[in-house]
Amino acid sequence: MNLESLRTAFVEQAEADAAWRRLEVEAECEKLLWAARAAASRLVEQGRREGRLTADQESARRRGAAQRRAREAQLGARGALYQELRELARAEALQLRSHPAYGALLDRLVGAAKARLGAEAEIEIDPPDAGGVFARSGRRSVDYTLPALAERAIGDLGREVEQLWR
């Protein structure tokens, strides 16, 4: 065998080996690219899921905060309306002092105070800025002043006052 044919055989073998190795490397690169794309796809999907979860949690947190603020505003408005009702009732009750039947009302309140505390009770009739009757006997007392009676009347309304909110 001559040297030239040996060299040609080595070159052909080297080229064949190189071509084969190139194919192996390309196949390995293709495999790595496919794995990288699949991993990237999984990461993107995981990121989307986590993003949706985070967005849902944030949305729920904001919705809850908004509902709390709305409830606080509603309760504040109800409180203001209830306070306005109380003030109006007190003012209207004090107007009873100018009514012609006020004297008869005072007589009935004095009678109720004596019935509750006894005939020896100290009775203040038509106290300034309050009207009505205030009575005491020892450590016991009754407050039948007009503002107190208005407050009790509102308190006695109970659930009926809730109809104001509806």
C-alpha atoms as a PDB file:
ATOM      1  CA  MET A   1       0.000   0.000   0.000  1.00  0.00           C
ATOM      2  CA  ASN A   2       1.389   3.277  -0.847  1.00  0.00           C
ATOM      3  CA  LEU A   3       1.570   6.261   1.380  1.00  0.00           C
ATOM      4  CA  GLU A   4      -0.804   8.311  -0.683  1.00  0.00           C
ATOM      5  CA  SER A   5      -3.556   5.757  -0.504  1.00  0.00           C
ATOM      6  CA  LEU A   6      -2.986   5.425   3.247  1.00  0.00           C
ATOM      7  CA  ARG A   7      -3.194   9.182   3.638  1.00  0.00           C
ATOM      8  CA  THR A   8      -6.367   9.268   1.531  1.00  0.00           C
ATOM      9  CA  ALA A   9      -7.879   6.500   3.657  1.00  0.00           C
ATOM     10  CA  PHE A  10      -7.020   8.406   6.863  1.00  0.00           C
ATOM     11  CA  VAL A  11      -8.447  11.643   5.476  1.00  0.00           C
ATOM     12  CA  GLU A  12     -11.637   9.898   4.357  1.00  0.00           C
ATOM     13  CA  GLN A  13     -11.932   8.188   7.731  1.00  0.00           C
ATOM     14  CA  ALA A  14     -11.302  11.502   9.526  1.00  0.00           C
ATOM     15  CA  GLU A  15     -13.892  13.249   7.373  1.00  0.00           C
ATOM     16  CA  ALA A  16     -16.393  10.459   7.986  1.00  0.00           C
ATOM     17  CA  ASP A  17     -15.662  10.574  11.717  1.00  0.00           C
ATOM     18  CA  ALA A  18     -15.993  14.371  11.675  1.00  0.00           C
ATOM     19  CA  ALA A  19     -19.267  14.186   9.756  1.00  0.00           C
ATOM     20  CA  TRP A  20     -20.558  11.564  12.153  1.00  0.00           C
ATOM     21  CA  ARG A  21     -19.401  13.619  15.133  1.00  0.00           C
ATOM     22  CA  ARG A  22     -21.024  16.737  13.617  1.00  0.00           C
ATOM     23  CA  LEU A  23     -24.303  14.819  13.294  1.00  0.00           C
ATOM     24  CA  GLU A  24     -23.998  13.645  16.904  1.00  0.00           C
ATOM     25  CA  VAL A  25     -23.272  17.207  18.091  1.00  0.00           C
ATOM     26  CA  GLU A  26     -26.170  18.612  16.048  1.00  0.00           C
ATOM     27  CA  ALA A  27     -28.487  15.937  17.454  1.00  0.00           C
ATOM     28  CA  GLU A  28     -27.244  16.697  20.986  1.00  0.00           C
ATOM     29  CA  CYS A  29     -27.727  20.450  20.369  1.00  0.00           C
ATOM     30  CA  GLU A  30     -31.225  19.821  19.040  1.00  0.00           C
ATOM     31  CA  LYS A  31     -32.005  17.699  22.107  1.00  0.00           C
ATOM     32  CA  LEU A  32     -30.634  20.408  24.433  1.00  0.00           C
ATOM     33  CA  LEU A  33     -32.601  23.112  22.601  1.00  0.00           C
ATOM     34  CA  TRP A  34     -35.796  21.062  22.841  1.00  0.00           C
ATOM     35  CA  ALA A  35     -35.203  20.493  26.602  1.00  0.00           C
ATOM     36  CA  ALA A  36     -34.440  24.191  27.096  1.00  0.00           C
ATOM     37  CA  ARG A  37     -37.600  25.201  25.215  1.00  0.00           C
ATOM     38  CA  ALA A  38     -39.678  22.750  27.250  1.00  0.00           C
ATOM     39  CA  ALA A  39     -38.146  24.030  30.506  1.00  0.00           C
ATOM     40  CA  ALA A  40     -38.740  27.630  29.413  1.00  0.00           C
ATOM     41  CA  SER A  41     -42.337  26.782  28.538  1.00  0.00           C
ATOM     42  CA  ARG A  42     -42.846  25.183  31.971  1.00  0.00           C
ATOM     43  CA  LEU A  43     -41.287  28.219  33.674  1.00  0.00           C
ATOM     44  CA  VAL A  44     -43.493  30.601  31.685  1.00  0.00           C
ATOM     45  CA  GLU A  45     -46.595  28.574  32.591  1.00  0.00           C
ATOM     46  CA  GLN A  46     -45.538  28.424  36.237  1.00  0.00           C
ATOM     47  CA  GLY A  47     -44.953  32.179  36.157  1.00  0.00           C
ATOM     48  CA  ARG A  48     -48.412  32.709  34.680  1.00  0.00           C
ATOM     49  CA  ARG A  49     -50.024  30.518  37.351  1.00  0.00           C
ATOM     50  CA  GLU A  50     -48.153  32.312  40.112  1.00  0.00           C
ATOM     51  CA  GLY A  51     -49.013  35.663  38.546  1.00  0.00           C
ATOM     52  CA  ARG A  52     -52.708  34.747  38.372  1.00  0.00           C
ATOM     53  CA  LEU A  53     -52.614  33.522  41.966  1.00  0.00           C
ATOM     54  CA  THR A  54     -50.880  36.696  43.129  1.00  0.00           C
ATOM     55  CA  ALA A  55     -53.322  38.835  41.144  1.00  0.00           C
ATOM     56  CA  ASP A  56     -56.286  36.904  42.596  1.00  0.00           C
ATOM     57  CA  GLN A  57     -54.921  37.326  46.121  1.00  0.00           C
ATOM     58  CA  GLU A  58     -54.303  41.034  45.583  1.00  0.00           C
ATOM     59  CA  SER A  59     -57.746  41.427  44.068  1.00  0.00           C
ATOM     60  CA  ALA A  60     -59.322  39.657  47.049  1.00  0.00           C
ATOM     61  CA  ARG A  61     -57.314  41.822  49.459  1.00  0.00           C
ATOM     62  CA  ARG A  62     -58.369  45.015  47.687  1.00  0.00           C
ATOM     63  CA  ARG A  63     -61.982  43.844  47.438  1.00  0.00           C
ATOM     64  CA  GLY A  64     -61.984  43.070  51.165  1.00  0.00           C
ATOM     65  CA  ALA A  65     -60.485  46.463  51.976  1.00  0.00           C
ATOM     66  CA  ALA A  66     -63.055  48.186  49.755  1.00  0.00           C
ATOM     67  CA  GLN A  67     -65.870  46.245  51.406  1.00  0.00           C
ATOM     68  CA  ARG A  68     -64.558  47.224  54.853  1.00  0.00           C
ATOM     69  CA  ARG A  69     -64.371  50.891  53.820  1.00  0.00           C
ATOM     70  CA  ALA A  70     -67.892  50.701  52.371  1.00  0.00           C
ATOM     71  CA  ARG A  71     -69.176  49.045  55.560  1.00  0.00           C
ATOM     72  CA  GLU A  72     -67.455  51.682  57.706  1.00  0.00           C
ATOM     73  CA  ALA A  73     -68.977  54.446  55.583  1.00  0.00           C
ATOM     74  CA  GLN A  74     -72.384  52.801  55.820  1.00  0.00           C
ATOM     75  CA  LEU A  75     -72.106  52.423  59.601  1.00  0.00           C
ATOM     76  CA  GLY A  76     -70.884  56.007  59.880  1.00  0.00           C
ATOM     77  CA  ALA A  77     -73.862  57.228  57.874  1.00  0.00           C
ATOM     78  CA  ARG A  78     -76.229  55.122  59.978  1.00  0.00           C
ATOM     79  CA  GLY A  79     -74.655  56.478  63.155  1.00  0.00           C
ATOM     80  CA  ALA A  80     -75.034  60.032  61.902  1.00  0.00           C
ATOM     81  CA  LEU A  81     -78.681  59.399  60.966  1.00  0.00           C
ATOM     82  CA  TYR A  82     -79.352  57.777  64.337  1.00  0.00           C
ATOM     83  CA  GLN A  83     -77.725  60.733  66.119  1.00  0.00           C
ATOM     84  CA  GLU A  84     -79.784  63.131  64.016  1.00  0.00           C
ATOM     85  CA  LEU A  85     -82.935  61.189  64.923  1.00  0.00           C
ATOM     86  CA  ARG A  86     -82.039  61.391  68.626  1.00  0.00           C
ATOM     87  CA  GLU A  87     -81.374  65.137  68.444  1.00  0.00           C
ATOM     88  CA  LEU A  88     -84.587  65.739  66.520  1.00  0.00           C
ATOM     89  CA  ALA A  89     -86.566  63.654  69.025  1.00  0.00           C
ATOM     90  CA  ARG A  90     -85.049  65.582  71.952  1.00  0.00           C
ATOM     91  CA  ALA A  91     -85.786  68.927  70.296  1.00  0.00           C
ATOM     92  CA  GLU A  92     -89.359  67.890  69.499  1.00  0.00           C
ATOM     93  CA  ALA A  93     -89.825  66.560  73.041  1.00  0.00           C
ATOM     94  CA  LEU A  94     -88.721  69.931  74.446  1.00  0.00           C
ATOM     95  CA  GLN A  95     -91.353  71.594  72.251  1.00  0.00           C
ATOM     96  CA  LEU A  96     -93.958  69.828  74.395  1.00  0.00           C
ATOM     97  CA  ARG A  97     -93.323  72.514  77.039  1.00  0.00           C
ATOM     98  CA  SER A  98     -95.256  74.990  74.909  1.00  0.00           C
ATOM     99  CA  HIS A  99     -98.168  72.609  74.306  1.00  0.00           C
ATOM    100  CA  PRO A 100    -101.444  73.337  76.174  1.00  0.00           C
ATOM    101  CA  ALA A 101    -101.549  69.760  77.554  1.00  0.00           C
ATOM    102  CA  TYR A 102     -98.052  70.043  79.099  1.00  0.00           C
ATOM    103  CA  GLY A 103     -99.435  70.683  82.582  1.00  0.00           C
ATOM    104  CA  ALA A 104    -101.452  67.451  82.428  1.00  0.00           C
ATOM    105  CA  LEU A 105     -98.347  65.588  81.240  1.00  0.00           C
ATOM    106  CA  LEU A 106     -96.363  66.944  84.217  1.00  0.00           C
ATOM    107  CA  ASP A 107     -99.109  65.787  86.601  1.00  0.00           C
ATOM    108  CA  ARG A 108     -98.968  62.270  85.130  1.00  0.00           C
ATOM    109  CA  LEU A 109     -95.160  62.205  85.338  1.00  0.00           C
ATOM    110  CA  VAL A 110     -95.238  63.338  88.997  1.00  0.00           C
ATOM    111  CA  GLY A 111     -97.761  60.566  89.694  1.00  0.00           C
ATOM    112  CA  ALA A 112     -95.558  57.995  87.962  1.00  0.00           C
ATOM    113  CA  ALA A 113     -92.484  59.173  89.926  1.00  0.00           C
ATOM    114  CA  LYS A 114     -94.348  58.912  93.253  1.00  0.00           C
ATOM    115  CA  ALA A 115     -95.687  55.492  92.309  1.00  0.00           C
ATOM    116  CA  ARG A 116     -92.157  54.314  91.582  1.00  0.00           C
ATOM    117  CA  LEU A 117     -90.255  55.975  94.448  1.00  0.00           C
ATOM    118  CA  GLY A 118     -92.920  56.617  97.049  1.00  0.00           C
ATOM    119  CA  ALA A 119     -94.732  59.718  98.271  1.00  0.00           C
ATOM    120  CA  GLU A 120     -91.617  60.975 100.137  1.00  0.00           C
ATOM    121  CA  ALA A 121     -89.591  61.339  96.898  1.00  0.00           C
ATOM    122  CA  GLU A 122     -88.031  64.722  96.123  1.00  0.00           C
ATOM    123  CA  ILE A 123     -89.483  65.833  92.822  1.00  0.00           C
ATOM    124  CA  GLU A 124     -88.110  68.492  90.520  1.00  0.00           C
ATOM    125  CA  ILE A 125     -90.822  69.598  88.124  1.00  0.00           C
ATOM    126  CA  ASP A 126     -89.923  71.111  84.748  1.00  0.00           C
ATOM    127  CA  PRO A 127     -86.139  71.408  85.272  1.00  0.00           C
ATOM    128  CA  PRO A 128     -84.533  74.093  83.093  1.00  0.00           C
ATOM    129  CA  ASP A 129     -83.284  72.852  79.693  1.00  0.00           C
ATOM    130  CA  ALA A 130     -84.959  69.481  80.277  1.00  0.00           C
ATOM    131  CA  GLY A 131     -88.618  69.846  81.157  1.00  0.00           C
ATOM    132  CA  GLY A 132     -90.572  66.902  82.473  1.00  0.00           C
ATOM    133  CA  VAL A 133     -89.848  65.524  85.944  1.00  0.00           C
ATOM    134  CA  PHE A 134     -86.785  64.281  87.817  1.00  0.00           C
ATOM    135  CA  ALA A 135     -87.296  62.561  91.158  1.00  0.00           C
ATOM    136  CA  ARG A 136     -85.084  60.946  93.776  1.00  0.00           C
ATOM    137  CA  SER A 137     -85.580  59.078  96.993  1.00  0.00           C
ATOM    138  CA  GLY A 138     -82.404  58.109  98.799  1.00  0.00           C
ATOM    139  CA  ARG A 139     -80.111  56.445  96.278  1.00  0.00           C
ATOM    140  CA  ARG A 140     -82.891  55.704  93.822  1.00  0.00           C
ATOM    141  CA  SER A 141     -84.033  58.101  91.151  1.00  0.00           C
ATOM    142  CA  VAL A 142     -86.208  58.308  88.068  1.00  0.00           C
ATOM    143  CA  ASP A 143     -85.558  60.512  85.086  1.00  0.00           C
ATOM    144  CA  TYR A 144     -88.773  61.502  83.363  1.00  0.00           C
ATOM    145  CA  THR A 145     -87.287  64.595  81.774  1.00  0.00           C
ATOM    146  CA  LEU A 146     -88.355  65.228  78.206  1.00  0.00           C
ATOM    147  CA  PRO A 147     -84.932  64.363  76.653  1.00  0.00           C
ATOM    148  CA  ALA A 148     -84.766  61.135  78.712  1.00  0.00           C
ATOM    149  CA  LEU A 149     -88.293  60.180  77.639  1.00  0.00           C
ATOM    150  CA  ALA A 150     -87.383  60.875  73.992  1.00  0.00           C
ATOM    151  CA  GLU A 151     -84.260  58.675  74.337  1.00  0.00           C
ATOM    152  CA  ARG A 152     -86.325  55.860  75.834  1.00  0.00           C
ATOM    153  CA  ALA A 153     -88.895  56.154  73.070  1.00  0.00           C
ATOM    154  CA  ILE A 154     -86.157  55.817  70.455  1.00  0.00           C
ATOM    155  CA  GLY A 155     -84.638  52.915  72.384  1.00  0.00           C
ATOM    156  CA  ASP A 156     -88.045  51.229  72.527  1.00  0.00           C
ATOM    157  CA  LEU A 157     -88.286  51.425  68.744  1.00  0.00           C
ATOM    158  CA  GLY A 158     -85.545  48.800  68.605  1.00  0.00           C
ATOM    159  CA  ARG A 159     -85.624  47.009  65.261  1.00  0.00           C
ATOM    160  CA  GLU A 160     -88.051  49.536  63.811  1.00  0.00           C
ATOM    161  CA  VAL A 161     -85.173  52.041  63.682  1.00  0.00           C
ATOM    162  CA  GLU A 162     -83.302  49.585  61.422  1.00  0.00           C
ATOM    163  CA  GLN A 163     -86.002  50.156  58.804  1.00  0.00           C
ATOM    164  CA  LEU A 164     -84.480  53.609  58.350  1.00  0.00           C
ATOM    165  CA  TRP A 165     -81.421  51.977  56.780  1.00  0.00           C
ATOM    166  CA  ARG A 166     -83.340  49.985  54.211  1.00  0.00           C
END
